[in-house]
PDB file of N, CA and C in Angstrom:
ATOM      1  N   MET A   1     140.035 171.060 195.458  1.00  0.00           N
ATOM      2  CA  MET A   1     140.073 172.147 196.215  1.00  0.00           C
ATOM      3  C   MET A   1     138.240 172.676 196.292  1.00  0.00           C
ATOM      4  N   MET A   2     137.660 173.183 196.888  1.00  0.00           N
ATOM      5  CA  MET A   2     136.491 173.739 196.677  1.00  0.00           C
ATOM      6  C   MET A   2     136.550 175.080 195.970  1.00  0.00           C
ATOM      7  N   SER A   3     135.679 175.493 194.642  1.00  0.00           N
ATOM      8  CA  SER A   3     135.657 177.235 194.796  1.00  0.00           C
ATOM      9  C   SER A   3     134.682 178.304 195.539  1.00  0.00           C
ATOM     10  N   PRO A   4     135.305 179.166 195.796  1.00  0.00           N
ATOM     11  CA  PRO A   4     134.551 180.069 196.410  1.00  0.00           C
ATOM     12  C   PRO A   4     133.141 180.478 195.991  1.00  0.00           C
ATOM     13  N   GLU A   5     132.222 180.756 196.877  1.00  0.00           N
ATOM     14  CA  GLU A   5     131.040 181.401 196.670  1.00  0.00           C
ATOM     15  C   GLU A   5     131.315 182.913 196.234  1.00  0.00           C
ATOM     16  N   THR A   6     130.239 183.211 195.303  1.00  0.00           N
ATOM     17  CA  THR A   6     130.411 184.611 194.975  1.00  0.00           C
ATOM     18  C   THR A   6     128.825 185.109 195.369  1.00  0.00           C
ATOM     19  N   VAL A   7     129.046 186.232 195.698  1.00  0.00           N
ATOM     20  CA  VAL A   7     127.471 186.724 195.907  1.00  0.00           C
ATOM     21  C   VAL A   7     128.173 188.385 195.475  1.00  0.00           C
ATOM     22  N   ASN A   8     126.831 189.292 194.933  1.00  0.00           N
ATOM     23  CA  ASN A   8     126.818 190.419 194.448  1.00  0.00           C
ATOM     24  C   ASN A   8     125.875 191.447 195.593  1.00  0.00           C
ATOM     25  N   ILE A   9     126.587 192.367 195.983  1.00  0.00           N
ATOM     26  CA  ILE A   9     125.896 193.080 196.492  1.00  0.00           C
ATOM     27  C   ILE A   9     125.710 194.736 196.334  1.00  0.00           C
ATOM     28  N   THR A  10     124.535 194.935 196.425  1.00  0.00           N
ATOM     29  CA  THR A  10     124.334 196.412 196.132  1.00  0.00           C
ATOM     30  C   THR A  10     123.634 197.147 196.795  1.00  0.00           C
ATOM     31  N   VAL A  11     123.505 198.542 196.875  1.00  0.00           N
ATOM     32  CA  VAL A  11     123.101 199.554 197.710  1.00  0.00           C
ATOM     33  C   VAL A  11     121.894 200.093 196.818  1.00  0.00           C
ATOM     34  N   GLU A  12     121.038 200.266 197.761  1.00  0.00           N
ATOM     35  CA  GLU A  12     119.432 201.112 196.997  1.00  0.00           C
ATOM     36  C   GLU A  12     119.919 201.896 196.595  1.00  0.00           C
ATOM     37  N   ALA A  13     118.886 202.542 195.454  1.00  0.00           N
ATOM     38  CA  ALA A  13     119.196 203.693 194.444  1.00  0.00           C
ATOM     39  C   ALA A  13     119.784 204.507 194.860  1.00  0.00           C
ATOM     40  N   ASP A  14     120.718 205.189 194.144  1.00  0.00           N
ATOM     41  CA  ASP A  14     121.207 206.472 194.345  1.00  0.00           C
ATOM     42  C   ASP A  14     122.521 205.797 195.578  1.00  0.00           C
ATOM     43  N   GLY A  15     123.028 205.097 195.690  1.00  0.00           N
ATOM     44  CA  GLY A  15     123.735 204.460 196.771  1.00  0.00           C
ATOM     45  C   GLY A  15     124.955 204.275 196.415  1.00  0.00           C
ATOM     46  N   ARG A  16     125.452 205.179 194.931  1.00  0.00           N
ATOM     47  CA  ARG A  16     126.768 204.545 194.257  1.00  0.00           C
ATOM     48  C   ARG A  16     127.700 205.085 195.325  1.00  0.00           C
ATOM     49  N   ARG A  17     128.225 206.254 196.064  1.00  0.00           N
ATOM     50  CA  ARG A  17     128.864 206.574 196.571  1.00  0.00           C
ATOM     51  C   ARG A  17     129.002 205.665 198.061  1.00  0.00           C
ATOM     52  N   ASP A  18     127.823 205.413 198.432  1.00  0.00           N
ATOM     53  CA  ASP A  18     127.518 204.377 199.819  1.00  0.00           C
ATOM     54  C   ASP A  18     128.181 202.857 199.294  1.00  0.00           C
ATOM     55  N   LEU A  19     127.732 202.764 197.814  1.00  0.00           N
ATOM     56  CA  LEU A  19     128.625 201.154 197.812  1.00  0.00           C
ATOM     57  C   LEU A  19     129.920 201.252 197.496  1.00  0.00           C
ATOM     58  N   GLU A  20     130.618 202.525 197.415  1.00  0.00           N
ATOM     59  CA  GLU A  20     132.149 202.283 197.583  1.00  0.00           C
ATOM     60  C   GLU A  20     132.601 202.364 199.021  1.00  0.00           C
ATOM     61  N   ARG A  21     132.001 203.197 200.084  1.00  0.00           N
ATOM     62  CA  ARG A  21     131.835 202.998 201.479  1.00  0.00           C
ATOM     63  C   ARG A  21     132.045 201.540 201.829  1.00  0.00           C
ATOM     64  N   LEU A  22     130.714 200.875 201.356  1.00  0.00           N
ATOM     65  CA  LEU A  22     130.384 199.640 201.639  1.00  0.00           C
ATOM     66  C   LEU A  22     131.496 198.913 201.761  1.00  0.00           C
ATOM     67  N   ALA A  23     132.234 198.753 200.364  1.00  0.00           N
ATOM     68  CA  ALA A  23     133.638 198.092 199.876  1.00  0.00           C
ATOM     69  C   ALA A  23     134.221 198.176 200.559  1.00  0.00           C
ATOM     70  N   ASP A  24     134.637 199.336 200.996  1.00  0.00           N
ATOM     71  CA  ASP A  24     136.163 200.149 201.621  1.00  0.00           C
ATOM     72  C   ASP A  24     135.991 198.781 203.229  1.00  0.00           C
ATOM     73  N   TRP A  25     134.403 199.459 204.129  1.00  0.00           N
ATOM     74  CA  TRP A  25     134.154 198.780 205.231  1.00  0.00           C
ATOM     75  C   TRP A  25     134.541 196.839 205.198  1.00  0.00           C
ATOM     76  N   LEU A  26     133.990 196.657 204.169  1.00  0.00           N
ATOM     77  CA  LEU A  26     134.045 195.195 203.916  1.00  0.00           C
ATOM     78  C   LEU A  26     135.739 194.791 203.919  1.00  0.00           C
ATOM     79  N   ILE A  27     136.247 195.636 203.062  1.00  0.00           N
ATOM     80  CA  ILE A  27     137.706 195.231 202.770  1.00  0.00           C
ATOM     81  C   ILE A  27     138.675 195.290 204.237  1.00  0.00           C
ATOM     82  N   ARG A  28     138.247 196.404 205.020  1.00  0.00           N
ATOM     83  CA  ARG A  28     138.721 196.624 206.443  1.00  0.00           C
ATOM     84  C   ARG A  28     138.452 195.775 207.215  1.00  0.00           C
ATOM     85  N   THR A  29     137.022 194.835 207.202  1.00  0.00           N
ATOM     86  CA  THR A  29     136.944 193.795 208.174  1.00  0.00           C
ATOM     87  C   THR A  29     137.676 192.759 208.236  1.00  0.00           C
ATOM     88  N   PRO A  30     138.535 192.725 209.502  1.00  0.00           N
ATOM     89  CA  PRO A  30     139.378 191.464 209.334  1.00  0.00           C
ATOM     90  C   PRO A  30     139.295 190.422 208.718  1.00  0.00           C
ATOM     91  N   GLU A  31     138.266 189.276 208.914  1.00  0.00           N
ATOM     92  CA  GLU A  31     137.681 188.157 208.181  1.00  0.00           C
ATOM     93  C   GLU A  31     137.675 188.260 206.773  1.00  0.00           C
ATOM     94  N   ILE A  32     136.912 189.248 206.523  1.00  0.00           N
ATOM     95  CA  ILE A  32     136.543 189.519 205.238  1.00  0.00           C
ATOM     96  C   ILE A  32     137.967 189.581 204.391  1.00  0.00           C
ATOM     97  N   ARG A  33     139.188 190.288 205.041  1.00  0.00           N
ATOM     98  CA  ARG A  33     140.082 190.620 204.552  1.00  0.00           C
ATOM     99  C   ARG A  33     140.703 189.436 204.107  1.00  0.00           C
ATOM    100  N   MET A  34     140.978 188.584 205.313  1.00  0.00           N
ATOM    101  CA  MET A  34     141.739 187.427 205.222  1.00  0.00           C
ATOM    102  C   MET A  34     141.198 186.168 203.921  1.00  0.00           C
ATOM    103  N   TYR A  35     139.802 186.382 204.273  1.00  0.00           N
ATOM    104  CA  TYR A  35     138.807 184.930 203.453  1.00  0.00           C
ATOM    105  C   TYR A  35     138.018 185.247 202.158  1.00  0.00           C
ATOM    106  N   GLY A  36     137.888 186.729 202.207  1.00  0.00           N
ATOM    107  CA  GLY A  36     136.916 187.334 201.027  1.00  0.00           C
ATOM    108  C   GLY A  36     138.188 187.879 199.960  1.00  0.00           C
ATOM    109  N   ASN A  37     137.601 187.959 198.963  1.00  0.00           N
ATOM    110  CA  ASN A  37     137.759 188.951 197.899  1.00  0.00           C
ATOM    111  C   ASN A  37     136.805 190.139 197.394  1.00  0.00           C
ATOM    112  N   VAL A  38     136.904 191.001 197.906  1.00  0.00           N
ATOM    113  CA  VAL A  38     135.765 192.323 197.392  1.00  0.00           C
ATOM    114  C   VAL A  38     136.504 193.082 196.506  1.00  0.00           C
ATOM    115  N   ARG A  39     135.796 193.066 195.299  1.00  0.00           N
ATOM    116  CA  ARG A  39     135.820 194.280 194.153  1.00  0.00           C
ATOM    117  C   ARG A  39     134.725 194.776 193.776  1.00  0.00           C
ATOM    118  N   THR A  40     134.523 196.177 193.461  1.00  0.00           N
ATOM    119  CA  THR A  40     133.726 196.601 192.722  1.00  0.00           C
ATOM    120  C   THR A  40     133.764 196.643 191.353  1.00  0.00           C
ATOM    121  N   VAL A  41     132.812 196.443 190.933  1.00  0.00           N
ATOM    122  CA  VAL A  41     132.175 196.289 189.316  1.00  0.00           C
ATOM    123  C   VAL A  41     131.536 197.308 188.625  1.00  0.00           C
ATOM    124  N   MET A  42     132.102 197.845 187.517  1.00  0.00           N
ATOM    125  CA  MET A  42     131.256 198.849 186.445  1.00  0.00           C
ATOM    126  C   MET A  42     130.550 198.360 185.475  1.00  0.00           C
ATOM    127  N   ALA A  43     129.432 198.666 185.523  1.00  0.00           N
ATOM    128  CA  ALA A  43     128.616 198.768 184.267  1.00  0.00           C
ATOM    129  C   ALA A  43     129.502 199.189 183.097  1.00  0.00           C
ATOM    130  N   PRO A  44     129.387 198.780 181.970  1.00  0.00           N
ATOM    131  CA  PRO A  44     129.703 199.443 180.516  1.00  0.00           C
ATOM    132  C   PRO A  44     129.153 200.750 180.699  1.00  0.00           C
ATOM    133  N   PRO A  45     130.267 201.426 179.755  1.00  0.00           N
ATOM    134  CA  PRO A  45     129.526 202.865 179.954  1.00  0.00           C
ATOM    135  C   PRO A  45     128.545 202.857 178.849  1.00  0.00           C
ATOM    136  N   HIS A  46     127.508 203.880 179.011  1.00  0.00           N
ATOM    137  CA  HIS A  46     126.276 203.983 178.699  1.00  0.00           C
ATOM    138  C   HIS A  46     125.742 205.346 178.062  1.00  0.00           C
ATOM    139  N   PRO A  47     125.692 205.781 177.486  1.00  0.00           N
ATOM    140  CA  PRO A  47     125.263 207.426 176.804  1.00  0.00           C
ATOM    141  C   PRO A  47     124.184 208.330 177.746  1.00  0.00           C
ATOM    142  N   GLU A  48     123.409 207.529 177.909  1.00  0.00           N
ATOM    143  CA  GLU A  48     122.242 207.864 179.159  1.00  0.00           C
ATOM    144  C   GLU A  48     122.684 207.833 180.521  1.00  0.00           C
ATOM    145  N   ARG A  49     123.976 207.254 180.535  1.00  0.00           N
ATOM    146  CA  ARG A  49     124.291 207.047 182.494  1.00  0.00           C
ATOM    147  C   ARG A  49     125.561 208.261 182.848  1.00  0.00           C
ATOM    148  N   MET A  50     124.695 208.651 183.561  1.00  0.00           N
ATOM    149  CA  MET A  50     125.835 209.580 184.594  1.00  0.00           C
ATOM    150  C   MET A  50     125.753 209.161 185.731  1.00  0.00           C
ATOM    151  N   PRO A  51     127.435 209.654 186.718  1.00  0.00           N
ATOM    152  CA  PRO A  51     128.485 209.476 185.732  1.00  0.00           C
ATOM    153  C   PRO A  51     128.977 208.329 185.529  1.00  0.00           C
ATOM    154  N   VAL A  52     129.731 208.317 184.836  1.00  0.00           N
ATOM    155  CA  VAL A  52     130.658 207.071 184.342  1.00  0.00           C
ATOM    156  C   VAL A  52     131.930 206.906 185.144  1.00  0.00           C
ATOM    157  N   GLY A  53     132.188 205.558 185.374  1.00  0.00           N
ATOM    158  CA  GLY A  53     133.222 204.987 186.027  1.00  0.00           C
ATOM    159  C   GLY A  53     133.164 205.050 187.580  1.00  0.00           C
ATOM    160  N   VAL A  54     131.596 205.009 187.722  1.00  0.00           N
ATOM    161  CA  VAL A  54     131.070 204.510 189.528  1.00  0.00           C
ATOM    162  C   VAL A  54     131.128 203.177 189.811  1.00  0.00           C
ATOM    163  N   ALA A  55     130.953 202.443 190.889  1.00  0.00           N
ATOM    164  CA  ALA A  55     130.722 201.052 190.759  1.00  0.00           C
ATOM    165  C   ALA A  55     129.180 200.880 190.702  1.00  0.00           C
ATOM    166  N   ASP A  56     129.002 200.049 190.092  1.00  0.00           N
ATOM    167  CA  ASP A  56     127.671 199.174 190.390  1.00  0.00           C
ATOM    168  C   ASP A  56     127.138 198.279 191.294  1.00  0.00           C
ATOM    169  N   TYR A  57     128.107 197.664 191.630  1.00  0.00           N
ATOM    170  CA  TYR A  57     127.831 196.910 192.485  1.00  0.00           C
ATOM    171  C   TYR A  57     129.252 196.167 192.953  1.00  0.00           C
ATOM    172  N   ILE A  58     128.896 195.167 194.163  1.00  0.00           N
ATOM    173  CA  ILE A  58     130.126 194.616 194.470  1.00  0.00           C
ATOM    174  C   ILE A  58     130.406 193.254 194.125  1.00  0.00           C
ATOM    175  N   GLU A  59     131.122 192.492 194.131  1.00  0.00           N
ATOM    176  CA  GLU A  59     131.221 191.205 193.690  1.00  0.00           C
ATOM    177  C   GLU A  59     132.212 190.688 194.701  1.00  0.00           C
ATOM    178  N   MET A  60     131.813 189.833 195.430  1.00  0.00           N
ATOM    179  CA  MET A  60     132.707 189.052 196.475  1.00  0.00           C
ATOM    180  C   MET A  60     132.422 187.403 196.517  1.00  0.00           C
ATOM    181  N   ALA A  61     134.003 186.896 196.764  1.00  0.00           N
ATOM    182  CA  ALA A  61     133.701 185.901 196.833  1.00  0.00           C
ATOM    183  C   ALA A  61     134.309 185.212 198.445  1.00  0.00           C
ATOM    184  N   LEU A  62     133.385 184.296 198.853  1.00  0.00           N
ATOM    185  CA  LEU A  62     133.438 184.094 199.820  1.00  0.00           C
ATOM    186  C   LEU A  62     134.214 182.493 200.013  1.00  0.00           C
ATOM    187  N   GLY A  63     135.727 183.028 200.400  1.00  0.00           N
ATOM    188  CA  GLY A  63     136.763 181.937 200.779  1.00  0.00           C
ATOM    189  C   GLY A  63     135.986 180.691 201.786  1.00  0.00           C
ATOM    190  N   SER A  64     137.089 179.710 202.253  1.00  0.00           N
ATOM    191  CA  SER A  64     136.634 178.776 202.745  1.00  0.00           C
ATOM    192  C   SER A  64     136.431 179.042 204.113  1.00  0.00           C
ATOM    193  N   GLY A  65     137.267 180.090 204.793  1.00  0.00           N
ATOM    194  CA  GLY A  65     137.112 180.650 206.125  1.00  0.00           C
ATOM    195  C   GLY A  65     136.241 181.793 206.739  1.00  0.00           C
ATOM    196  N   LEU A  66     135.385 181.964 205.631  1.00  0.00           N
ATOM    197  CA  LEU A  66     134.190 182.917 205.641  1.00  0.00           C
ATOM    198  C   LEU A  66     132.978 182.473 205.312  1.00  0.00           C
ATOM    199  N   SER A  67     131.951 183.012 206.362  1.00  0.00           N
ATOM    200  CA  SER A  67     130.491 182.183 206.229  1.00  0.00           C
ATOM    201  C   SER A  67     129.638 183.651 205.696  1.00  0.00           C
ATOM    202  N   ALA A  68     128.491 183.315 204.922  1.00  0.00           N
ATOM    203  CA  ALA A  68     127.753 184.193 205.028  1.00  0.00           C
ATOM    204  C   ALA A  68     127.357 185.059 206.079  1.00  0.00           C
ATOM    205  N   ALA A  69     127.223 184.403 207.322  1.00  0.00           N
ATOM    206  CA  ALA A  69     126.364 185.106 208.445  1.00  0.00           C
ATOM    207  C   ALA A  69     127.517 185.970 209.229  1.00  0.00           C
ATOM    208  N   GLN A  70     129.292 185.705 208.393  1.00  0.00           N
ATOM    209  CA  GLN A  70     130.002 186.794 208.744  1.00  0.00           C
ATOM    210  C   GLN A  70     129.879 188.111 207.744  1.00  0.00           C
ATOM    211  N   LEU A  71     129.413 187.985 206.687  1.00  0.00           N
ATOM    212  CA  LEU A  71     129.435 188.606 205.650  1.00  0.00           C
ATOM    213  C   LEU A  71     128.114 189.572 206.109  1.00  0.00           C
ATOM    214  N   VAL A  72     126.909 188.706 206.330  1.00  0.00           N
ATOM    215  CA  VAL A  72     125.681 189.753 206.725  1.00  0.00           C
ATOM    216  C   VAL A  72     126.336 190.521 207.994  1.00  0.00           C
ATOM    217  N   VAL A  73     126.859 189.891 209.039  1.00  0.00           N
ATOM    218  CA  VAL A  73     127.110 190.951 210.264  1.00  0.00           C
ATOM    219  C   VAL A  73     128.115 191.908 209.643  1.00  0.00           C
ATOM    220  N   ALA A  74     128.873 192.027 208.894  1.00  0.00           N
ATOM    221  CA  ALA A  74     129.841 192.998 208.684  1.00  0.00           C
ATOM    222  C   ALA A  74     128.616 194.040 208.179  1.00  0.00           C
ATOM    223  N   ILE A  75     127.940 193.823 206.930  1.00  0.00           N
ATOM    224  CA  ILE A  75     127.006 194.158 206.704  1.00  0.00           C
ATOM    225  C   ILE A  75     126.094 195.378 207.520  1.00  0.00           C
ATOM    226  N   ILE A  76     125.487 194.428 208.168  1.00  0.00           N
ATOM    227  CA  ILE A  76     124.652 195.321 209.411  1.00  0.00           C
ATOM    228  C   ILE A  76     125.524 196.124 210.216  1.00  0.00           C
ATOM    229  N   GLY A  77     126.948 195.653 210.616  1.00  0.00           N
ATOM    230  CA  GLY A  77     127.812 196.695 211.520  1.00  0.00           C
ATOM    231  C   GLY A  77     127.728 197.937 210.422  1.00  0.00           C
ATOM    232  N   TRP A  78     127.991 197.961 209.119  1.00  0.00           N
ATOM    233  CA  TRP A  78     128.374 199.051 208.425  1.00  0.00           C
ATOM    234  C   TRP A  78     126.896 199.831 208.572  1.00  0.00           C
ATOM    235  N   ARG A  79     125.375 199.116 208.091  1.00  0.00           N
ATOM    236  CA  ARG A  79     124.522 199.864 208.062  1.00  0.00           C
ATOM    237  C   ARG A  79     124.255 200.755 209.693  1.00  0.00           C
ATOM    238  N   ARG A  80     124.411 200.358 210.770  1.00  0.00           N
ATOM    239  CA  ARG A  80     124.861 200.429 212.187  1.00  0.00           C
ATOM    240  C   ARG A  80     125.599 201.726 211.992  1.00  0.00           C
ATOM    241  N   SER A  81     126.688 202.031 211.266  1.00  0.00           N
ATOM    242  CA  SER A  81     127.667 203.033 211.644  1.00  0.00           C
ATOM    243  C   SER A  81     126.926 204.310 210.918  1.00  0.00           C
ATOM    244  N   ARG A  82     125.936 204.014 210.016  1.00  0.00           N
ATOM    245  CA  ARG A  82     125.389 205.184 209.193  1.00  0.00           C
ATOM    246  C   ARG A  82     124.586 206.182 209.788  1.00  0.00           C
ATOM    247  N   PRO A  83     124.639 207.401 209.935  1.00  0.00           N
ATOM    248  CA  PRO A  83     123.350 208.048 210.636  1.00  0.00           C
ATOM    249  C   PRO A  83     122.299 207.710 210.331  1.00  0.00           C
ATOM    250  N   PRO A  84     121.197 207.589 211.454  1.00  0.00           N
ATOM    251  CA  PRO A  84     119.802 207.145 211.372  1.00  0.00           C
ATOM    252  C   PRO A  84     118.918 207.234 209.612  1.00  0.00           C
ATOM    253  N   GLN A  85     119.440 208.333 209.186  1.00  0.00           N
ATOM    254  CA  GLN A  85     118.600 208.768 207.841  1.00  0.00           C
ATOM    255  C   GLN A  85     119.400 208.307 206.883  1.00  0.00           C
ATOM    256  N   ARG A  86     120.345 207.894 206.998  1.00  0.00           N
ATOM    257  CA  ARG A  86     121.065 207.229 205.747  1.00  0.00           C
ATOM    258  C   ARG A  86     121.078 205.650 205.966  1.00  0.00           C
ATOM    259  N   ARG A  87     120.421 205.229 206.651  1.00  0.00           N
ATOM    260  CA  ARG A  87     120.651 203.621 206.915  1.00  0.00           C
ATOM    261  C   ARG A  87     119.955 203.119 205.576  1.00  0.00           C
ATOM    262  N   LEU A  88     120.995 202.420 204.899  1.00  0.00           N
ATOM    263  CA  LEU A  88     120.373 202.218 203.620  1.00  0.00           C
ATOM    264  C   LEU A  88     120.089 200.651 203.306  1.00  0.00           C
ATOM    265  N   ASN A  89     119.028 200.140 202.611  1.00  0.00           N
ATOM    266  CA  ASN A  89     118.939 198.830 202.113  1.00  0.00           C
ATOM    267  C   ASN A  89     119.740 198.057 201.493  1.00  0.00           C
ATOM    268  N   ILE A  90     120.453 197.263 201.863  1.00  0.00           N
ATOM    269  CA  ILE A  90     121.523 196.503 201.059  1.00  0.00           C
ATOM    270  C   ILE A  90     121.158 195.328 200.433  1.00  0.00           C
ATOM    271  N   THR A  91     121.546 195.004 199.065  1.00  0.00           N
ATOM    272  CA  THR A  91     120.808 193.492 198.476  1.00  0.00           C
ATOM    273  C   THR A  91     121.919 192.554 198.188  1.00  0.00           C
ATOM    274  N   VAL A  92     121.797 191.225 198.716  1.00  0.00           N
ATOM    275  CA  VAL A  92     122.852 190.737 198.431  1.00  0.00           C
ATOM    276  C   VAL A  92     122.192 189.604 197.620  1.00  0.00           C
ATOM    277  N   THR A  93     122.884 189.332 196.497  1.00  0.00           N
ATOM    278  CA  THR A  93     122.401 188.385 195.638  1.00  0.00           C
ATOM    279  C   THR A  93     123.371 187.062 195.487  1.00  0.00           C
ATOM    280  N   ARG A  94     123.221 185.673 195.386  1.00  0.00           N
ATOM    281  CA  ARG A  94     123.751 184.765 195.157  1.00  0.00           C
ATOM    282  C   ARG A  94     123.035 183.863 193.985  1.00  0.00           C
ATOM    283  N   GLY A  95     123.368 184.057 193.167  1.00  0.00           N
ATOM    284  CA  GLY A  95     122.624 183.150 192.213  1.00  0.00           C
ATOM    285  C   GLY A  95     121.225 183.483 191.640  1.00  0.00           C
ATOM    286  N   ASP A  96     120.173 182.680 191.812  1.00  0.00           N
ATOM    287  CA  ASP A  96     118.580 183.460 191.481  1.00  0.00           C
ATOM    288  C   ASP A  96     118.324 183.817 193.270  1.00  0.00           C
ATOM    289  N   THR A  97     118.913 183.715 193.975  1.00  0.00           N
ATOM    290  CA  THR A  97     118.454 183.971 195.509  1.00  0.00           C
ATOM    291  C   THR A  97     118.650 185.399 195.864  1.00  0.00           C
ATOM    292  N   THR A  98     118.181 186.304 196.203  1.00  0.00           N
ATOM    293  CA  THR A  98     118.634 187.499 196.656  1.00  0.00           C
ATOM    294  C   THR A  98     117.486 187.831 198.097  1.00  0.00           C
ATOM    295  N   VAL A  99     118.324 188.289 199.189  1.00  0.00           N
ATOM    296  CA  VAL A  99     118.304 189.114 200.384  1.00  0.00           C
ATOM    297  C   VAL A  99     118.444 190.514 200.298  1.00  0.00           C
ATOM    298  N   VAL A 100     117.120 191.280 200.908  1.00  0.00           N
ATOM    299  CA  VAL A 100     117.249 192.611 201.354  1.00  0.00           C
ATOM    300  C   VAL A 100     117.817 192.465 202.632  1.00  0.00           C
ATOM    301  N   ILE A 101     118.889 193.273 203.138  1.00  0.00           N
ATOM    302  CA  ILE A 101     119.257 193.706 204.472  1.00  0.00           C
ATOM    303  C   ILE A 101     118.810 194.901 205.037  1.00  0.00           C
ATOM    304  N   ASP A 102     117.520 194.774 205.644  1.00  0.00           N
ATOM    305  CA  ASP A 102     117.150 196.211 205.706  1.00  0.00           C
ATOM    306  C   ASP A 102     116.932 196.423 207.593  1.00  0.00           C
ATOM    307  N   THR A 103     117.775 195.892 208.037  1.00  0.00           N
ATOM    308  CA  THR A 103     117.847 195.606 209.472  1.00  0.00           C
ATOM    309  C   THR A 103     119.230 196.458 210.234  1.00  0.00           C
ATOM    310  N   ASP A 104     119.265 196.599 211.367  1.00  0.00           N
ATOM    311  CA  ASP A 104     120.323 197.009 211.923  1.00  0.00           C
ATOM    312  C   ASP A 104     120.361 195.786 213.067  1.00  0.00           C
ATOM    313  N   ASP A 105     119.944 194.762 213.350  1.00  0.00           N
ATOM    314  CA  ASP A 105     119.876 193.585 214.552  1.00  0.00           C
ATOM    315  C   ASP A 105     121.096 192.508 214.031  1.00  0.00           C
ATOM    316  N   PRO A 106     122.043 192.440 214.315  1.00  0.00           N
ATOM    317  CA  PRO A 106     122.804 191.380 214.200  1.00  0.00           C
ATOM    318  C   PRO A 106     122.487 189.826 214.420  1.00  0.00           C
ATOM    319  N   GLU A 107     121.476 190.182 215.383  1.00  0.00           N
ATOM    320  CA  GLU A 107     120.781 188.747 215.546  1.00  0.00           C
ATOM    321  C   GLU A 107     119.950 188.182 214.936  1.00  0.00           C
ATOM    322  N   VAL A 108     119.743 188.930 213.587  1.00  0.00           N
ATOM    323  CA  VAL A 108     119.004 188.088 212.388  1.00  0.00           C
ATOM    324  C   VAL A 108     120.050 187.681 211.264  1.00  0.00           C
ATOM    325  N   SER A 109     121.258 187.917 211.352  1.00  0.00           N
ATOM    326  CA  SER A 109     122.118 187.563 210.522  1.00  0.00           C
ATOM    327  C   SER A 109     122.362 186.045 209.933  1.00  0.00           C
ATOM    328  N   GLY A 110     122.115 185.223 210.821  1.00  0.00           N
ATOM    329  CA  GLY A 110     122.085 183.900 210.571  1.00  0.00           C
ATOM    330  C   GLY A 110     120.731 183.003 209.637  1.00  0.00           C
ATOM    331  N   ASP A 111     119.570 184.059 210.038  1.00  0.00           N
ATOM    332  CA  ASP A 111     118.470 183.996 209.280  1.00  0.00           C
ATOM    333  C   ASP A 111     118.748 184.015 207.876  1.00  0.00           C
ATOM    334  N   LEU A 112     119.264 185.199 207.666  1.00  0.00           N
ATOM    335  CA  LEU A 112     119.569 186.114 206.394  1.00  0.00           C
ATOM    336  C   LEU A 112     120.493 185.138 205.814  1.00  0.00           C
ATOM    337  N   ALA A 113     121.804 184.875 206.106  1.00  0.00           N
ATOM    338  CA  ALA A 113     122.337 183.851 205.538  1.00  0.00           C
ATOM    339  C   ALA A 113     121.959 182.518 205.200  1.00  0.00           C
ATOM    340  N   ARG A 114     121.051 182.012 206.009  1.00  0.00           N
ATOM    341  CA  ARG A 114     120.163 180.869 205.611  1.00  0.00           C
ATOM    342  C   ARG A 114     119.741 181.056 204.222  1.00  0.00           C
ATOM    343  N   GLN A 115     118.953 182.117 203.964  1.00  0.00           N
ATOM    344  CA  GLN A 115     118.080 182.527 203.156  1.00  0.00           C
ATOM    345  C   GLN A 115     118.875 182.548 201.905  1.00  0.00           C
ATOM    346  N   LEU A 116     120.145 182.969 202.317  1.00  0.00           N
ATOM    347  CA  LEU A 116     121.472 183.166 200.960  1.00  0.00           C
ATOM    348  C   LEU A 116     121.680 181.588 200.651  1.00  0.00           C
ATOM    349  N   GLY A 117     120.963 180.624 201.183  1.00  0.00           N
ATOM    350  CA  GLY A 117     121.401 179.170 200.917  1.00  0.00           C
ATOM    351  C   GLY A 117     122.969 178.925 200.949  1.00  0.00           C
ATOM    352  N   ILE A 118     123.632 179.687 201.465  1.00  0.00           N
ATOM    353  CA  ILE A 118     125.322 179.188 201.849  1.00  0.00           C
ATOM    354  C   ILE A 118     125.635 178.901 203.254  1.00  0.00           C
TER     355      ILE A 118
END
């Protein structure tokens, strides 16, 4: 049995509330709910860091029924649902590869997924 690919997803600076909203969006996406595993990860507490208890990134396992392109399309869909002034850049990292999703065009999802190498 093949182990799932894991990716980490962050929202540009000051996007902690947005990160939680993106995680909720991903969980509610049917393909991701069926074939992915989404969880938010918090960094260890640090005295200079406020607020404590907020997610720092999303860790997601891509199961065999879920492609990176489907993940990218879901993220683009979330970006498109945001007000124009709130469309944030999303960073997806797999190993040493990082891709910034800064577009609302689902036509580029395949290119972005190929850049992730999944």
